[in-house]
Amino acid sequence: MKKGIFWILTFYIGIFANDSTGISKTLRISTWPADAEIYVGERPKSFIEESEMKSPDSLKLSMEDSVVRITLFKPGYTDTTIDIHLKAPTKNFVWIELVEETDLDRLEWQEAILGKREGKKIGKIFFGTGFIPLALSGIFAGIAEYKFQNAEDTKEKIEKSLIREGDHYQKLQDDFKDSRQSGKNFRRASFISLGASALLFAAAAVFYF
């Protein structure tokens, strides 16, 4: 019985040991100069989408991984794609010295990429900002509807009033006019806010794409 329990414990310890080592294999990537963007896997068709990984940084790998392909991108330097062969069983290190870019066409190409990235950032700002006047448009529209309803209720009171003179009657007429005018003002503000939102979304599309 004790021997059976021993083998069972040994079996599960082996499984857990494999699981723990399966997530412990790493690759530390350093470059000179630092802050080079790191793309893992196939070389990206475009560098417009900025990578979240920048050197120095580490990759978590499975124990089965033996080769990792990375691409490095840093403005002013030649973009590089290399296959890294993992030798160590757990912790692997690589240090890469980037080569300065001297091709003027490639440098202009990199500047164009940075310009498109900046355009995307501006587009995202416009897109997020566009929701503010859109929300205000809905609020103004709701207030306008409330004011028009108040005007209708006051109008109904005026039509049912038996006394057509005096301060109370005059106040009802003033309230009707004020509510209706206020409703028109808020409705106009709603349309203006909606137009501003549409312009911001249009600007976002222009900059982003």
Protein backbone atom coordinates (compact mmCIF):
# COMPACT_ATOMS: atom_id res chain seq x y z
CA MET A 1 0.00 0.00 0.00
CA LYS A 2 2.76 2.43 0.99
CA LYS A 3 4.70 1.53 -2.14
CA GLY A 4 1.61 2.25 -4.27
CA ILE A 5 1.15 5.66 -2.68
CA PHE A 6 4.86 6.36 -3.24
CA TRP A 7 4.58 5.67 -6.98
CA ILE A 8 1.42 7.77 -7.27
CA LEU A 9 3.13 10.71 -5.54
CA THR A 10 6.18 10.25 -7.74
CA PHE A 11 3.95 10.30 -10.84
CA TYR A 12 2.21 13.57 -9.91
CA ILE A 13 5.43 15.21 -8.78
CA GLY A 14 6.85 14.41 -12.20
CA ILE A 15 3.84 15.98 -13.91
CA PHE A 16 4.05 19.16 -11.81
CA ALA A 17 7.79 19.31 -12.34
CA ASN A 18 7.29 19.16 -16.11
CA ASP A 19 4.61 21.86 -15.92
CA SER A 20 6.82 24.15 -13.86
CA THR A 21 9.81 23.72 -16.16
CA GLY A 22 7.53 24.18 -19.14
CA ILE A 23 6.98 27.80 -18.21
CA SER A 24 10.51 28.51 -16.96
CA LYS A 25 12.32 28.53 -20.29
CA THR A 26 13.10 32.13 -21.21
CA LEU A 27 14.98 34.17 -23.77
CA ARG A 28 16.45 37.49 -22.70
CA ILE A 29 16.90 39.87 -25.63
CA SER A 30 19.20 42.87 -25.33
CA THR A 31 20.34 45.26 -28.06
CA TRP A 32 22.67 48.15 -28.56
CA PRO A 33 21.31 50.71 -28.63
CA ALA A 34 18.39 49.76 -26.39
CA ASP A 35 14.66 50.38 -26.98
CA ALA A 36 14.53 48.46 -30.25
CA GLU A 37 11.07 47.11 -30.96
CA ILE A 38 10.86 43.31 -30.89
CA TYR A 39 8.49 41.39 -33.15
CA VAL A 40 8.25 37.64 -32.50
CA GLY A 41 7.48 35.15 -35.26
CA GLU A 42 7.22 35.91 -38.94
CA ARG A 43 8.58 39.25 -40.08
CA PRO A 44 5.73 41.81 -40.04
CA LYS A 45 4.59 43.12 -43.40
CA SER A 46 4.57 46.62 -41.97
CA PHE A 47 6.03 48.29 -38.90
CA ILE A 48 3.14 50.74 -38.64
CA GLU A 49 1.73 48.72 -35.74
CA GLU A 50 4.18 49.44 -32.94
CA SER A 51 5.36 46.42 -30.97
CA GLU A 52 4.72 46.41 -27.23
CA MET A 53 8.04 44.63 -26.63
CA LYS A 54 11.21 46.73 -26.55
CA SER A 55 14.73 45.65 -25.71
CA PRO A 56 15.82 44.68 -23.21
CA ASP A 57 12.97 42.25 -22.62
CA SER A 58 12.35 38.55 -22.00
CA LEU A 59 10.25 35.96 -23.81
CA LYS A 60 8.57 33.09 -21.99
CA LEU A 61 8.80 29.91 -24.03
CA SER A 62 7.80 26.28 -23.83
CA MET A 63 10.38 23.55 -23.33
CA GLU A 64 9.74 22.34 -26.90
CA ASP A 65 10.88 25.62 -28.45
CA SER A 66 14.35 25.36 -29.93
CA VAL A 67 14.36 28.24 -32.44
CA VAL A 68 12.76 31.67 -32.12
CA ARG A 69 12.52 34.15 -34.98
CA ILE A 70 12.57 37.82 -34.03
CA THR A 71 12.60 41.07 -35.95
CA LEU A 72 14.14 44.23 -34.51
CA PHE A 73 13.05 47.70 -35.58
CA LYS A 74 14.57 50.98 -34.45
CA PRO A 75 14.49 54.20 -36.48
CA GLY A 76 17.95 55.13 -37.70
CA TYR A 77 19.12 51.52 -37.72
CA THR A 78 18.75 48.62 -40.13
CA ASP A 79 15.73 46.47 -39.28
CA THR A 80 16.93 42.92 -38.64
CA THR A 81 15.26 39.51 -38.75
CA ILE A 82 17.18 36.61 -37.21
CA ASP A 83 16.58 33.05 -36.01
CA ILE A 84 17.83 32.47 -32.47
CA HIS A 85 18.75 28.88 -31.56
CA LEU A 86 18.08 28.14 -27.92
CA LYS A 87 20.92 26.15 -26.34
CA ALA A 88 20.32 26.45 -22.62
CA PRO A 89 17.54 24.30 -21.08
CA THR A 90 16.01 27.19 -19.12
CA LYS A 91 17.55 30.66 -19.37
CA ASN A 92 18.85 31.91 -22.72
CA PHE A 93 20.47 35.25 -23.47
CA VAL A 94 21.19 37.09 -26.71
CA TRP A 95 22.84 40.48 -27.28
CA ILE A 96 22.53 42.11 -30.70
CA GLU A 97 24.37 45.17 -31.95
CA LEU A 98 22.26 47.09 -34.44
CA VAL A 99 23.80 48.55 -37.58
CA GLU A 100 23.20 52.20 -38.40
CA GLU A 101 21.07 52.71 -41.52
CA THR A 102 22.86 54.64 -44.27
CA ASP A 103 20.41 54.10 -47.12
CA LEU A 104 18.55 57.40 -47.58
CA ASP A 105 15.53 55.64 -49.10
CA ARG A 106 15.27 53.34 -46.09
CA LEU A 107 15.60 56.29 -43.73
CA GLU A 108 12.79 58.10 -45.55
CA TRP A 109 10.74 54.90 -45.35
CA GLN A 110 11.28 54.78 -41.60
CA GLU A 111 10.26 58.43 -41.27
CA ALA A 112 7.08 57.66 -43.22
CA ILE A 113 6.30 54.83 -40.80
CA LEU A 114 6.78 57.15 -37.82
CA GLY A 115 4.48 59.68 -39.49
CA LYS A 116 1.77 57.06 -39.99
CA ARG A 117 2.13 55.99 -36.38
CA GLU A 118 1.67 59.57 -35.24
CA GLY A 119 -1.39 59.85 -37.47
CA LYS A 120 -2.87 56.75 -35.86
CA LYS A 121 -2.30 58.20 -32.40
CA ILE A 122 -4.01 61.45 -33.39
CA GLY A 123 -6.84 59.46 -34.98
CA LYS A 124 -7.38 57.53 -31.74
CA ILE A 125 -7.51 60.82 -29.80
CA PHE A 126 -10.10 62.25 -32.20
CA PHE A 127 -12.11 59.03 -32.05
CA GLY A 128 -12.20 59.02 -28.24
CA THR A 129 -12.99 62.73 -28.11
CA GLY A 130 -15.86 62.25 -30.57
CA PHE A 131 -17.88 60.40 -27.94
CA ILE A 132 -18.04 63.50 -25.71
CA PRO A 133 -20.19 65.66 -28.03
CA LEU A 134 -22.11 62.52 -29.02
CA ALA A 135 -23.07 61.97 -25.38
CA LEU A 136 -23.89 65.67 -24.97
CA SER A 137 -26.09 65.48 -28.07
CA GLY A 138 -28.16 62.75 -26.44
CA ILE A 139 -28.40 64.68 -23.18
CA PHE A 140 -29.43 67.89 -24.97
CA ALA A 141 -32.01 65.96 -27.00
CA GLY A 142 -33.49 64.53 -23.80
CA ILE A 143 -33.68 67.96 -22.17
CA ALA A 144 -35.26 69.40 -25.32
CA GLU A 145 -37.93 66.71 -25.26
CA TYR A 146 -38.55 67.44 -21.57
CA LYS A 147 -38.94 71.17 -22.26
CA PHE A 148 -41.31 70.57 -25.19
CA GLN A 149 -43.39 68.28 -23.00
CA ASN A 150 -43.55 70.99 -20.33
CA ALA A 151 -44.69 73.44 -23.01
CA GLU A 152 -47.43 71.05 -24.11
CA ASP A 153 -48.59 70.54 -20.53
CA THR A 154 -48.68 74.31 -19.95
CA LYS A 155 -50.54 74.82 -23.23
CA GLU A 156 -53.14 72.32 -22.12
CA LYS A 157 -53.58 74.23 -18.85
CA ILE A 158 -54.01 77.49 -20.77
CA GLU A 159 -56.67 75.98 -23.04
CA LYS A 160 -58.57 74.61 -20.06
CA SER A 161 -58.30 77.83 -18.05
CA LEU A 162 -61.62 79.58 -17.54
CA ILE A 163 -59.97 82.82 -16.50
CA ARG A 164 -58.18 84.47 -19.44
CA GLU A 165 -56.57 87.31 -17.55
CA GLY A 166 -54.63 88.06 -14.41
CA ASP A 167 -51.16 87.21 -13.13
CA HIS A 168 -51.75 83.46 -13.05
CA TYR A 169 -52.88 83.36 -16.67
CA GLN A 170 -49.98 85.56 -17.75
CA LYS A 171 -47.56 83.30 -15.90
CA LEU A 172 -48.91 80.27 -17.75
CA GLN A 173 -48.35 82.03 -21.08
CA ASP A 174 -44.82 83.05 -20.07
CA ASP A 175 -44.01 79.51 -18.93
CA PHE A 176 -45.29 78.14 -22.23
CA LYS A 177 -43.14 80.51 -24.27
CA ASP A 178 -40.06 79.91 -22.08
CA SER A 179 -40.39 76.13 -22.21
CA ARG A 180 -40.89 76.07 -25.96
CA GLN A 181 -37.96 78.43 -26.59
CA SER A 182 -35.77 76.47 -24.20
CA GLY A 183 -36.70 73.26 -26.02
CA LYS A 184 -35.71 74.82 -29.34
CA ASN A 185 -32.37 75.97 -27.88
CA PHE A 186 -31.55 72.54 -26.50
CA ARG A 187 -32.60 70.85 -29.74
CA ARG A 188 -30.30 73.22 -31.65
CA ALA A 189 -27.49 72.41 -29.21
CA SER A 190 -28.16 68.71 -29.76
CA PHE A 191 -27.76 69.07 -33.54
CA ILE A 192 -24.58 71.13 -33.12
CA SER A 193 -23.08 68.54 -30.76
CA LEU A 194 -24.04 65.75 -33.14
CA GLY A 195 -22.35 67.60 -36.00
CA ALA A 196 -19.22 68.15 -33.92
CA SER A 197 -19.15 64.45 -33.09
CA ALA A 198 -19.46 63.52 -36.76
CA LEU A 199 -16.59 65.88 -37.66
CA LEU A 200 -14.36 64.36 -34.98
CA PHE A 201 -15.12 60.82 -36.14
CA ALA A 202 -14.43 61.85 -39.75
CA ALA A 203 -11.11 63.42 -38.70
CA ALA A 204 -10.27 60.24 -36.77
CA ALA A 205 -10.84 58.15 -39.90
CA VAL A 206 -8.68 60.47 -42.00
CA PHE A 207 -5.75 60.39 -39.57
CA TYR A 208 -6.05 56.71 -38.62
CA PHE A 209 -6.35 55.27 -42.11
